[in-house]
Amino acid sequence: LYLLIPLSVVVVFIALWVYFTASDSGQ
């Protein structure tokens, strides 16, 4: 859990960054 919880938080932030980048570019 000490590895999986921070890793999942990083994956969620990456997914949100990809979504908002696509949204800002007019996708």
mmCIF file of all heavy atoms, coordinates in Angstrom:
data_MODEL
# 
_entry.id   MODEL 
# 
loop_
_atom_site.group_PDB 
_atom_site.id 
_atom_site.type_symbol 
_atom_site.label_atom_id 
_atom_site.label_alt_id 
_atom_site.label_comp_id 
_atom_site.label_asym_id 
_atom_site.label_entity_id 
_atom_site.label_seq_id 
_atom_site.pdbx_PDB_ins_code 
_atom_site.Cartn_x 
_atom_site.Cartn_y 
_atom_site.Cartn_z 
_atom_site.occupancy 
_atom_site.B_iso_or_equiv 
_atom_site.pdbx_formal_charge 
_atom_site.auth_seq_id 
_atom_site.auth_comp_id 
_atom_site.auth_asym_id 
_atom_site.auth_atom_id 
_atom_site.pdbx_PDB_model_num 
ATOM 1   N N   . LEU A 1 1  ? 0.815   -1.212 0.000   1.00 0.00 ? 1  LEU A N   1 
ATOM 2   C CA  . LEU A 1 1  ? 0.000   0.000  0.000   1.00 0.00 ? 1  LEU A CA  1 
ATOM 3   C C   . LEU A 1 1  ? 0.849   1.263  0.000   1.00 0.00 ? 1  LEU A C   1 
ATOM 4   O O   . LEU A 1 1  ? 0.441   2.291  -0.541  1.00 0.00 ? 1  LEU A O   1 
ATOM 5   C CB  . LEU A 1 1  ? -0.936  0.008  1.207   1.00 0.00 ? 1  LEU A CB  1 
ATOM 6   C CG  . LEU A 1 1  ? -2.065  -1.020 1.179   1.00 0.00 ? 1  LEU A CG  1 
ATOM 7   C CD1 . LEU A 1 1  ? -2.883  -0.920 2.455   1.00 0.00 ? 1  LEU A CD1 1 
ATOM 8   C CD2 . LEU A 1 1  ? -2.942  -0.809 -0.027  1.00 0.00 ? 1  LEU A CD2 1 
ATOM 9   N N   . TYR A 1 2  ? 2.021   1.207  0.595   1.00 0.00 ? 2  TYR A N   1 
ATOM 10  C CA  . TYR A 1 2  ? 2.910   2.369  0.604   1.00 0.00 ? 2  TYR A CA  1 
ATOM 11  C C   . TYR A 1 2  ? 3.389   2.718  -0.800  1.00 0.00 ? 2  TYR A C   1 
ATOM 12  O O   . TYR A 1 2  ? 3.769   3.856  -1.062  1.00 0.00 ? 2  TYR A O   1 
ATOM 13  C CB  . TYR A 1 2  ? 4.118   2.122  1.512   1.00 0.00 ? 2  TYR A CB  1 
ATOM 14  C CG  . TYR A 1 2  ? 3.746   1.988  2.967   1.00 0.00 ? 2  TYR A CG  1 
ATOM 15  C CD1 . TYR A 1 2  ? 4.161   0.894  3.712   1.00 0.00 ? 2  TYR A CD1 1 
ATOM 16  C CD2 . TYR A 1 2  ? 2.972   2.963  3.603   1.00 0.00 ? 2  TYR A CD2 1 
ATOM 17  C CE1 . TYR A 1 2  ? 3.812   0.759  5.044   1.00 0.00 ? 2  TYR A CE1 1 
ATOM 18  C CE2 . TYR A 1 2  ? 2.619   2.841  4.935   1.00 0.00 ? 2  TYR A CE2 1 
ATOM 19  C CZ  . TYR A 1 2  ? 3.054   1.740  5.652   1.00 0.00 ? 2  TYR A CZ  1 
ATOM 20  O OH  . TYR A 1 2  ? 2.709   1.612  6.962   1.00 0.00 ? 2  TYR A OH  1 
ATOM 21  N N   . LEU A 1 3  ? 3.363   1.763  -1.700  1.00 0.00 ? 3  LEU A N   1 
ATOM 22  C CA  . LEU A 1 3  ? 3.724   2.008  -3.090  1.00 0.00 ? 3  LEU A CA  1 
ATOM 23  C C   . LEU A 1 3  ? 2.490   2.268  -3.950  1.00 0.00 ? 3  LEU A C   1 
ATOM 24  O O   . LEU A 1 3  ? 2.487   3.160  -4.791  1.00 0.00 ? 3  LEU A O   1 
ATOM 25  C CB  . LEU A 1 3  ? 4.503   0.807  -3.658  1.00 0.00 ? 3  LEU A CB  1 
ATOM 26  C CG  . LEU A 1 3  ? 4.829   0.873  -5.144  1.00 0.00 ? 3  LEU A CG  1 
ATOM 27  C CD1 . LEU A 1 3  ? 5.810   1.999  -5.415  1.00 0.00 ? 3  LEU A CD1 1 
ATOM 28  C CD2 . LEU A 1 3  ? 5.364   -0.454 -5.625  1.00 0.00 ? 3  LEU A CD2 1 
ATOM 29  N N   . LEU A 1 4  ? 1.423   1.503  -3.725  1.00 0.00 ? 4  LEU A N   1 
ATOM 30  C CA  . LEU A 1 4  ? 0.266   1.571  -4.611  1.00 0.00 ? 4  LEU A CA  1 
ATOM 31  C C   . LEU A 1 4  ? -0.556  2.848  -4.444  1.00 0.00 ? 4  LEU A C   1 
ATOM 32  O O   . LEU A 1 4  ? -1.089  3.374  -5.421  1.00 0.00 ? 4  LEU A O   1 
ATOM 33  C CB  . LEU A 1 4  ? -0.627  0.350  -4.390  1.00 0.00 ? 4  LEU A CB  1 
ATOM 34  C CG  . LEU A 1 4  ? -0.033  -0.986 -4.843  1.00 0.00 ? 4  LEU A CG  1 
ATOM 35  C CD1 . LEU A 1 4  ? -0.969  -2.120 -4.516  1.00 0.00 ? 4  LEU A CD1 1 
ATOM 36  C CD2 . LEU A 1 4  ? 0.265   -0.955 -6.327  1.00 0.00 ? 4  LEU A CD2 1 
ATOM 37  N N   . ILE A 1 5  ? -0.691  3.352  -3.247  1.00 0.00 ? 5  ILE A N   1 
ATOM 38  C CA  . ILE A 1 5  ? -1.498  4.552  -3.026  1.00 0.00 ? 5  ILE A CA  1 
ATOM 39  C C   . ILE A 1 5  ? -0.851  5.778  -3.678  1.00 0.00 ? 5  ILE A C   1 
ATOM 40  O O   . ILE A 1 5  ? -1.515  6.483  -4.445  1.00 0.00 ? 5  ILE A O   1 
ATOM 41  C CB  . ILE A 1 5  ? -1.791  4.759  -1.533  1.00 0.00 ? 5  ILE A CB  1 
ATOM 42  C CG1 . ILE A 1 5  ? -2.758  3.677  -1.054  1.00 0.00 ? 5  ILE A CG1 1 
ATOM 43  C CG2 . ILE A 1 5  ? -2.371  6.156  -1.284  1.00 0.00 ? 5  ILE A CG2 1 
ATOM 44  C CD1 . ILE A 1 5  ? -3.039  3.703  0.420   1.00 0.00 ? 5  ILE A CD1 1 
ATOM 45  N N   . PRO A 1 6  ? 0.419   6.062  -3.453  1.00 0.00 ? 6  PRO A N   1 
ATOM 46  C CA  . PRO A 1 6  ? 1.010   7.212  -4.164  1.00 0.00 ? 6  PRO A CA  1 
ATOM 47  C C   . PRO A 1 6  ? 1.046   7.010  -5.684  1.00 0.00 ? 6  PRO A C   1 
ATOM 48  O O   . PRO A 1 6  ? 0.837   7.961  -6.443  1.00 0.00 ? 6  PRO A O   1 
ATOM 49  C CB  . PRO A 1 6  ? 2.428   7.300  -3.609  1.00 0.00 ? 6  PRO A CB  1 
ATOM 50  C CG  . PRO A 1 6  ? 2.394   6.589  -2.334  1.00 0.00 ? 6  PRO A CG  1 
ATOM 51  C CD  . PRO A 1 6  ? 1.355   5.528  -2.462  1.00 0.00 ? 6  PRO A CD  1 
ATOM 52  N N   . LEU A 1 7  ? 1.250   5.786  -6.123  1.00 0.00 ? 7  LEU A N   1 
ATOM 53  C CA  . LEU A 1 7  ? 1.261   5.517  -7.553  1.00 0.00 ? 7  LEU A CA  1 
ATOM 54  C C   . LEU A 1 7  ? -0.110  5.771  -8.170  1.00 0.00 ? 7  LEU A C   1 
ATOM 55  O O   . LEU A 1 7  ? -0.215  6.356  -9.245  1.00 0.00 ? 7  LEU A O   1 
ATOM 56  C CB  . LEU A 1 7  ? 1.698   4.071  -7.804  1.00 0.00 ? 7  LEU A CB  1 
ATOM 57  C CG  . LEU A 1 7  ? 1.922   3.669  -9.249  1.00 0.00 ? 7  LEU A CG  1 
ATOM 58  C CD1 . LEU A 1 7  ? 3.049   4.476  -9.855  1.00 0.00 ? 7  LEU A CD1 1 
ATOM 59  C CD2 . LEU A 1 7  ? 2.205   2.187  -9.343  1.00 0.00 ? 7  LEU A CD2 1 
ATOM 60  N N   . SER A 1 8  ? -1.170  5.376  -7.475  1.00 0.00 ? 8  SER A N   1 
ATOM 61  C CA  . SER A 1 8  ? -2.513  5.623  -8.002  1.00 0.00 ? 8  SER A CA  1 
ATOM 62  C C   . SER A 1 8  ? -2.856  7.105  -7.997  1.00 0.00 ? 8  SER A C   1 
ATOM 63  O O   . SER A 1 8  ? -3.533  7.595  -8.898  1.00 0.00 ? 8  SER A O   1 
ATOM 64  C CB  . SER A 1 8  ? -3.549  4.827  -7.211  1.00 0.00 ? 8  SER A CB  1 
ATOM 65  O OG  . SER A 1 8  ? -3.587  5.274  -5.876  1.00 0.00 ? 8  SER A OG  1 
ATOM 66  N N   . VAL A 1 9  ? -2.386  7.843  -7.016  1.00 0.00 ? 9  VAL A N   1 
ATOM 67  C CA  . VAL A 1 9  ? -2.618  9.288  -6.985  1.00 0.00 ? 9  VAL A CA  1 
ATOM 68  C C   . VAL A 1 9  ? -1.904  9.955  -8.158  1.00 0.00 ? 9  VAL A C   1 
ATOM 69  O O   . VAL A 1 9  ? -2.469  10.832 -8.828  1.00 0.00 ? 9  VAL A O   1 
ATOM 70  C CB  . VAL A 1 9  ? -2.162  9.883  -5.633  1.00 0.00 ? 9  VAL A CB  1 
ATOM 71  C CG1 . VAL A 1 9  ? -2.157  11.399 -5.666  1.00 0.00 ? 9  VAL A CG1 1 
ATOM 72  C CG2 . VAL A 1 9  ? -3.049  9.373  -4.509  1.00 0.00 ? 9  VAL A CG2 1 
ATOM 73  N N   . VAL A 1 10 ? -0.699  9.527  -8.456  1.00 0.00 ? 10 VAL A N   1 
ATOM 74  C CA  . VAL A 1 10 ? 0.037   10.074 -9.602  1.00 0.00 ? 10 VAL A CA  1 
ATOM 75  C C   . VAL A 1 10 ? -0.678  9.747  -10.904 1.00 0.00 ? 10 VAL A C   1 
ATOM 76  O O   . VAL A 1 10 ? -0.802  10.601 -11.786 1.00 0.00 ? 10 VAL A O   1 
ATOM 77  C CB  . VAL A 1 10 ? 1.488   9.534  -9.606  1.00 0.00 ? 10 VAL A CB  1 
ATOM 78  C CG1 . VAL A 1 10 ? 2.190   9.857  -10.910 1.00 0.00 ? 10 VAL A CG1 1 
ATOM 79  C CG2 . VAL A 1 10 ? 2.258   10.104 -8.433  1.00 0.00 ? 10 VAL A CG2 1 
ATOM 80  N N   . VAL A 1 11 ? -1.194  8.537  -11.050 1.00 0.00 ? 11 VAL A N   1 
ATOM 81  C CA  . VAL A 1 11 ? -1.908  8.147  -12.266 1.00 0.00 ? 11 VAL A CA  1 
ATOM 82  C C   . VAL A 1 11 ? -3.176  8.978  -12.434 1.00 0.00 ? 11 VAL A C   1 
ATOM 83  O O   . VAL A 1 11 ? -3.507  9.405  -13.548 1.00 0.00 ? 11 VAL A O   1 
ATOM 84  C CB  . VAL A 1 11 ? -2.217  6.636  -12.251 1.00 0.00 ? 11 VAL A CB  1 
ATOM 85  C CG1 . VAL A 1 11 ? -3.194  6.258  -13.348 1.00 0.00 ? 11 VAL A CG1 1 
ATOM 86  C CG2 . VAL A 1 11 ? -0.936  5.835  -12.382 1.00 0.00 ? 11 VAL A CG2 1 
ATOM 87  N N   . VAL A 1 12 ? -3.888  9.258  -11.351 1.00 0.00 ? 12 VAL A N   1 
ATOM 88  C CA  . VAL A 1 12 ? -5.097  10.083 -11.425 1.00 0.00 ? 12 VAL A CA  1 
ATOM 89  C C   . VAL A 1 12 ? -4.748  11.500 -11.858 1.00 0.00 ? 12 VAL A C   1 
ATOM 90  O O   . VAL A 1 12 ? -5.431  12.088 -12.711 1.00 0.00 ? 12 VAL A O   1 
ATOM 91  C CB  . VAL A 1 12 ? -5.843  10.078 -10.075 1.00 0.00 ? 12 VAL A CB  1 
ATOM 92  C CG1 . VAL A 1 12 ? -6.885  11.179 -10.018 1.00 0.00 ? 12 VAL A CG1 1 
ATOM 93  C CG2 . VAL A 1 12 ? -6.478  8.731  -9.837  1.00 0.00 ? 12 VAL A CG2 1 
ATOM 94  N N   . PHE A 1 13 ? -3.677  12.067 -11.318 1.00 0.00 ? 13 PHE A N   1 
ATOM 95  C CA  . PHE A 1 13 ? -3.285  13.417 -11.713 1.00 0.00 ? 13 PHE A CA  1 
ATOM 96  C C   . PHE A 1 13 ? -2.841  13.469 -13.177 1.00 0.00 ? 13 PHE A C   1 
ATOM 97  O O   . PHE A 1 13 ? -3.120  14.436 -13.881 1.00 0.00 ? 13 PHE A O   1 
ATOM 98  C CB  . PHE A 1 13 ? -2.188  13.963 -10.798 1.00 0.00 ? 13 PHE A CB  1 
ATOM 99  C CG  . PHE A 1 13 ? -2.717  14.490 -9.496  1.00 0.00 ? 13 PHE A CG  1 
ATOM 100 C CD1 . PHE A 1 13 ? -2.312  13.944 -8.293  1.00 0.00 ? 13 PHE A CD1 1 
ATOM 101 C CD2 . PHE A 1 13 ? -3.632  15.531 -9.482  1.00 0.00 ? 13 PHE A CD2 1 
ATOM 102 C CE1 . PHE A 1 13 ? -2.801  14.426 -7.095  1.00 0.00 ? 13 PHE A CE1 1 
ATOM 103 C CE2 . PHE A 1 13 ? -4.131  16.026 -8.282  1.00 0.00 ? 13 PHE A CE2 1 
ATOM 104 C CZ  . PHE A 1 13 ? -3.718  15.463 -7.085  1.00 0.00 ? 13 PHE A CZ  1 
ATOM 105 N N   . ILE A 1 14 ? -2.172  12.430 -13.659 1.00 0.00 ? 14 ILE A N   1 
ATOM 106 C CA  . ILE A 1 14 ? -1.786  12.371 -15.069 1.00 0.00 ? 14 ILE A CA  1 
ATOM 107 C C   . ILE A 1 14 ? -3.023  12.291 -15.955 1.00 0.00 ? 14 ILE A C   1 
ATOM 108 O O   . ILE A 1 14 ? -3.113  12.972 -16.983 1.00 0.00 ? 14 ILE A O   1 
ATOM 109 C CB  . ILE A 1 14 ? -0.822  11.199 -15.323 1.00 0.00 ? 14 ILE A CB  1 
ATOM 110 C CG1 . ILE A 1 14 ? 0.524   11.490 -14.682 1.00 0.00 ? 14 ILE A CG1 1 
ATOM 111 C CG2 . ILE A 1 14 ? -0.655  10.938 -16.818 1.00 0.00 ? 14 ILE A CG2 1 
ATOM 112 C CD1 . ILE A 1 14 ? 1.496   10.326 -14.711 1.00 0.00 ? 14 ILE A CD1 1 
ATOM 113 N N   . ALA A 1 15 ? -4.001  11.481 -15.571 1.00 0.00 ? 15 ALA A N   1 
ATOM 114 C CA  . ALA A 1 15 ? -5.229  11.359 -16.354 1.00 0.00 ? 15 ALA A CA  1 
ATOM 115 C C   . ALA A 1 15 ? -5.984  12.692 -16.380 1.00 0.00 ? 15 ALA A C   1 
ATOM 116 O O   . ALA A 1 15 ? -6.513  13.090 -17.427 1.00 0.00 ? 15 ALA A O   1 
ATOM 117 C CB  . ALA A 1 15 ? -6.110  10.256 -15.780 1.00 0.00 ? 15 ALA A CB  1 
ATOM 118 N N   . LEU A 1 16 ? -6.049  13.380 -15.250 1.00 0.00 ? 16 LEU A N   1 
ATOM 119 C CA  . LEU A 1 16 ? -6.705  14.685 -15.221 1.00 0.00 ? 16 LEU A CA  1 
ATOM 120 C C   . LEU A 1 16 ? -5.964  15.701 -16.078 1.00 0.00 ? 16 LEU A C   1 
ATOM 121 O O   . LEU A 1 16 ? -6.581  16.508 -16.781 1.00 0.00 ? 16 LEU A O   1 
ATOM 122 C CB  . LEU A 1 16 ? -6.815  15.194 -13.780 1.00 0.00 ? 16 LEU A CB  1 
ATOM 123 C CG  . LEU A 1 16 ? -7.862  14.500 -12.913 1.00 0.00 ? 16 LEU A CG  1 
ATOM 124 C CD1 . LEU A 1 16 ? -7.737  14.961 -11.466 1.00 0.00 ? 16 LEU A CD1 1 
ATOM 125 C CD2 . LEU A 1 16 ? -9.247  14.788 -13.443 1.00 0.00 ? 16 LEU A CD2 1 
ATOM 126 N N   . TRP A 1 17 ? -4.648  15.677 -16.055 1.00 0.00 ? 17 TRP A N   1 
ATOM 127 C CA  . TRP A 1 17 ? -3.853  16.592 -16.881 1.00 0.00 ? 17 TRP A CA  1 
ATOM 128 C C   . TRP A 1 17 ? -4.102  16.340 -18.362 1.00 0.00 ? 17 TRP A C   1 
ATOM 129 O O   . TRP A 1 17 ? -4.274  17.287 -19.136 1.00 0.00 ? 17 TRP A O   1 
ATOM 130 C CB  . TRP A 1 17 ? -2.378  16.429 -16.543 1.00 0.00 ? 17 TRP A CB  1 
ATOM 131 C CG  . TRP A 1 17 ? -1.499  17.295 -17.398 1.00 0.00 ? 17 TRP A CG  1 
ATOM 132 C CD1 . TRP A 1 17 ? -1.298  18.633 -17.273 1.00 0.00 ? 17 TRP A CD1 1 
ATOM 133 C CD2 . TRP A 1 17 ? -0.746  16.874 -18.525 1.00 0.00 ? 17 TRP A CD2 1 
ATOM 134 N NE1 . TRP A 1 17 ? -0.454  19.069 -18.257 1.00 0.00 ? 17 TRP A NE1 1 
ATOM 135 C CE2 . TRP A 1 17 ? -0.088  18.008 -19.042 1.00 0.00 ? 17 TRP A CE2 1 
ATOM 136 C CE3 . TRP A 1 17 ? -0.547  15.650 -19.137 1.00 0.00 ? 17 TRP A CE3 1 
ATOM 137 C CZ2 . TRP A 1 17 ? 0.736   17.946 -20.145 1.00 0.00 ? 17 TRP A CZ2 1 
ATOM 138 C CZ3 . TRP A 1 17 ? 0.282   15.586 -20.241 1.00 0.00 ? 17 TRP A CZ3 1 
ATOM 139 C CH2 . TRP A 1 17 ? 0.914   16.726 -20.734 1.00 0.00 ? 17 TRP A CH2 1 
ATOM 140 N N   . VAL A 1 18 ? -4.153  15.062 -18.762 1.00 0.00 ? 18 VAL A N   1 
ATOM 141 C CA  . VAL A 1 18 ? -4.418  14.731 -20.163 1.00 0.00 ? 18 VAL A CA  1 
ATOM 142 C C   . VAL A 1 18 ? -5.813  15.197 -20.563 1.00 0.00 ? 18 VAL A C   1 
ATOM 143 O O   . VAL A 1 18 ? -6.004  15.771 -21.647 1.00 0.00 ? 18 VAL A O   1 
ATOM 144 C CB  . VAL A 1 18 ? -4.250  13.216 -20.407 1.00 0.00 ? 18 VAL A CB  1 
ATOM 145 C CG1 . VAL A 1 18 ? -4.794  12.804 -21.758 1.00 0.00 ? 18 VAL A CG1 1 
ATOM 146 C CG2 . VAL A 1 18 ? -2.788  12.819 -20.279 1.00 0.00 ? 18 VAL A CG2 1 
ATOM 147 N N   . TYR A 1 19 ? -6.795  14.985 -19.720 1.00 0.00 ? 19 TYR A N   1 
ATOM 148 C CA  . TYR A 1 19 ? -8.164  15.403 -20.023 1.00 0.00 ? 19 TYR A CA  1 
ATOM 149 C C   . TYR A 1 19 ? -8.261  16.918 -20.182 1.00 0.00 ? 19 TYR A C   1 
ATOM 150 O O   . TYR A 1 19 ? -8.839  17.418 -21.144 1.00 0.00 ? 19 TYR A O   1 
ATOM 151 C CB  . TYR A 1 19 ? -9.129  14.930 -18.934 1.00 0.00 ? 19 TYR A CB  1 
ATOM 152 C CG  . TYR A 1 19 ? -10.508 15.498 -19.108 1.00 0.00 ? 19 TYR A CG  1 
ATOM 153 C CD1 . TYR A 1 19 ? -11.364 15.017 -20.087 1.00 0.00 ? 19 TYR A CD1 1 
ATOM 154 C CD2 . TYR A 1 19 ? -10.949 16.546 -18.315 1.00 0.00 ? 19 TYR A CD2 1 
ATOM 155 C CE1 . TYR A 1 19 ? -12.630 15.554 -20.268 1.00 0.00 ? 19 TYR A CE1 1 
ATOM 156 C CE2 . TYR A 1 19 ? -12.208 17.089 -18.482 1.00 0.00 ? 19 TYR A CE2 1 
ATOM 157 C CZ  . TYR A 1 19 ? -13.041 16.586 -19.462 1.00 0.00 ? 19 TYR A CZ  1 
ATOM 158 O OH  . TYR A 1 19 ? -14.278 17.131 -19.639 1.00 0.00 ? 19 TYR A OH  1 
ATOM 159 N N   . PHE A 1 20 ? -7.722  17.668 -19.232 1.00 0.00 ? 20 PHE A N   1 
ATOM 160 C CA  . PHE A 1 20 ? -7.835  19.118 -19.304 1.00 0.00 ? 20 PHE A CA  1 
ATOM 161 C C   . PHE A 1 20 ? -6.990  19.702 -20.433 1.00 0.00 ? 20 PHE A C   1 
ATOM 162 O O   . PHE A 1 20 ? -7.352  20.716 -21.027 1.00 0.00 ? 20 PHE A O   1 
ATOM 163 C CB  . PHE A 1 20 ? -7.485  19.760 -17.963 1.00 0.00 ? 20 PHE A CB  1 
ATOM 164 C CG  . PHE A 1 20 ? -8.576  19.613 -16.952 1.00 0.00 ? 20 PHE A CG  1 
ATOM 165 C CD1 . PHE A 1 20 ? -8.390  18.843 -15.808 1.00 0.00 ? 20 PHE A CD1 1 
ATOM 166 C CD2 . PHE A 1 20 ? -9.807  20.215 -17.146 1.00 0.00 ? 20 PHE A CD2 1 
ATOM 167 C CE1 . PHE A 1 20 ? -9.404  18.699 -14.878 1.00 0.00 ? 20 PHE A CE1 1 
ATOM 168 C CE2 . PHE A 1 20 ? -10.833 20.077 -16.228 1.00 0.00 ? 20 PHE A CE2 1 
ATOM 169 C CZ  . PHE A 1 20 ? -10.629 19.316 -15.089 1.00 0.00 ? 20 PHE A CZ  1 
ATOM 170 N N   . THR A 1 21 ? -5.881  19.070 -20.774 1.00 0.00 ? 21 THR A N   1 
ATOM 171 C CA  . THR A 1 21 ? -5.093  19.514 -21.928 1.00 0.00 ? 21 THR A CA  1 
ATOM 172 C C   . THR A 1 21 ? -5.882  19.316 -23.215 1.00 0.00 ? 21 THR A C   1 
ATOM 173 O O   . THR A 1 21 ? -5.909  20.201 -24.079 1.00 0.00 ? 21 THR A O   1 
ATOM 174 C CB  . THR A 1 21 ? -3.768  18.744 -22.002 1.00 0.00 ? 21 THR A CB  1 
ATOM 175 O OG1 . THR A 1 21 ? -3.045  18.944 -20.786 1.00 0.00 ? 21 THR A OG1 1 
ATOM 176 C CG2 . THR A 1 21 ? -2.925  19.223 -23.161 1.00 0.00 ? 21 THR A CG2 1 
ATOM 177 N N   . ALA A 1 22 ? -6.540  18.181 -23.350 1.00 0.00 ? 22 ALA A N   1 
ATOM 178 C CA  . ALA A 1 22 ? -7.358  17.939 -24.537 1.00 0.00 ? 22 ALA A CA  1 
ATOM 179 C C   . ALA A 1 22 ? -8.547  18.879 -24.575 1.00 0.00 ? 22 ALA A C   1 
ATOM 180 O O   . ALA A 1 22 ? -8.934  19.360 -25.644 1.00 0.00 ? 22 ALA A O   1 
ATOM 181 C CB  . ALA A 1 22 ? -7.824  16.483 -24.558 1.00 0.00 ? 22 ALA A CB  1 
ATOM 182 N N   . SER A 1 23 ? -9.124  19.160 -23.440 1.00 0.00 ? 23 SER A N   1 
ATOM 183 C CA  . SER A 1 23 ? -10.264 20.071 -23.384 1.00 0.00 ? 23 SER A CA  1 
ATOM 184 C C   . SER A 1 23 ? -9.858  21.495 -23.754 1.00 0.00 ? 23 SER A C   1 
ATOM 185 O O   . SER A 1 23 ? -10.582 22.188 -24.465 1.00 0.00 ? 23 SER A O   1 
ATOM 186 C CB  . SER A 1 23 ? -10.870 20.045 -21.985 1.00 0.00 ? 23 SER A CB  1 
ATOM 187 O OG  . SER A 1 23 ? -11.949 20.914 -21.899 1.00 0.00 ? 23 SER A OG  1 
ATOM 188 N N   . ASP A 1 24 ? -8.717  21.934 -23.292 1.00 0.00 ? 24 ASP A N   1 
ATOM 189 C CA  . ASP A 1 24 ? -8.242  23.282 -23.607 1.00 0.00 ? 24 ASP A CA  1 
ATOM 190 C C   . ASP A 1 24 ? -7.856  23.435 -25.070 1.00 0.00 ? 24 ASP A C   1 
ATOM 191 O O   . ASP A 1 24 ? -7.957  24.520 -25.641 1.00 0.00 ? 24 ASP A O   1 
ATOM 192 C CB  . ASP A 1 24 ? -7.050  23.659 -22.731 1.00 0.00 ? 24 ASP A CB  1 
ATOM 193 C CG  . ASP A 1 24 ? -7.446  23.922 -21.293 1.00 0.00 ? 24 ASP A CG  1 
ATOM 194 O OD1 . ASP A 1 24 ? -8.638  24.183 -21.057 1.00 0.00 ? 24 ASP A OD1 1 
ATOM 195 O OD2 . ASP A 1 24 ? -6.554  23.868 -20.421 1.00 0.00 ? 24 ASP A OD2 1 
ATOM 196 N N   . SER A 1 25 ? -7.417  22.348 -25.700 1.00 0.00 ? 25 SER A N   1 
ATOM 197 C CA  . SER A 1 25 ? -7.000  22.441 -27.100 1.00 0.00 ? 25 SER A CA  1 
ATOM 198 C C   . SER A 1 25 ? -8.175  22.340 -28.064 1.00 0.00 ? 25 SER A C   1 
ATOM 199 O O   . SER A 1 25 ? -7.982  22.410 -29.267 1.00 0.00 ? 25 SER A O   1 
ATOM 200 C CB  . SER A 1 25 ? -5.980  21.351 -27.418 1.00 0.00 ? 25 SER A CB  1 
ATOM 201 O OG  . SER A 1 25 ? -6.600  20.081 -27.402 1.00 0.00 ? 25 SER A OG  1 
ATOM 202 N N   . GLY A 1 26 ? -9.396  22.146 -27.561 1.00 0.00 ? 26 GLY A N   1 
ATOM 203 C CA  . GLY A 1 26 ? -10.569 22.115 -28.416 1.00 0.00 ? 26 GLY A CA  1 
ATOM 204 C C   . GLY A 1 26 ? -10.934 20.732 -28.919 1.00 0.00 ? 26 GLY A C   1 
ATOM 205 O O   . GLY A 1 26 ? -11.679 20.598 -29.883 1.00 0.00 ? 26 GLY A O   1 
ATOM 206 N N   . GLN A 1 27 ? -10.436 19.706 -28.289 1.00 0.00 ? 27 GLN A N   1 
ATOM 207 C CA  . GLN A 1 27 ? -10.703 18.335 -28.724 1.00 0.00 ? 27 GLN A CA  1 
ATOM 208 C C   . GLN A 1 27 ? -12.183 17.991 -28.627 1.00 0.00 ? 27 GLN A C   1 
ATOM 209 O O   . GLN A 1 27 ? -12.698 17.234 -29.440 1.00 0.00 ? 27 GLN A O   1 
ATOM 210 C CB  . GLN A 1 27 ? -9.890  17.365 -27.859 1.00 0.00 ? 27 GLN A CB  1 
ATOM 211 C CG  . GLN A 1 27 ? -10.022 15.922 -28.243 1.00 0.00 ? 27 GLN A CG  1 
ATOM 212 C CD  . GLN A 1 27 ? -9.260  15.584 -29.504 1.00 0.00 ? 27 GLN A CD  1 
ATOM 213 O OE1 . GLN A 1 27 ? -8.274  16.210 -29.814 1.00 0.00 ? 27 GLN A OE1 1 
ATOM 214 N NE2 . GLN A 1 27 ? -9.736  14.595 -30.223 1.00 0.00 ? 27 GLN A NE2 1 
# 
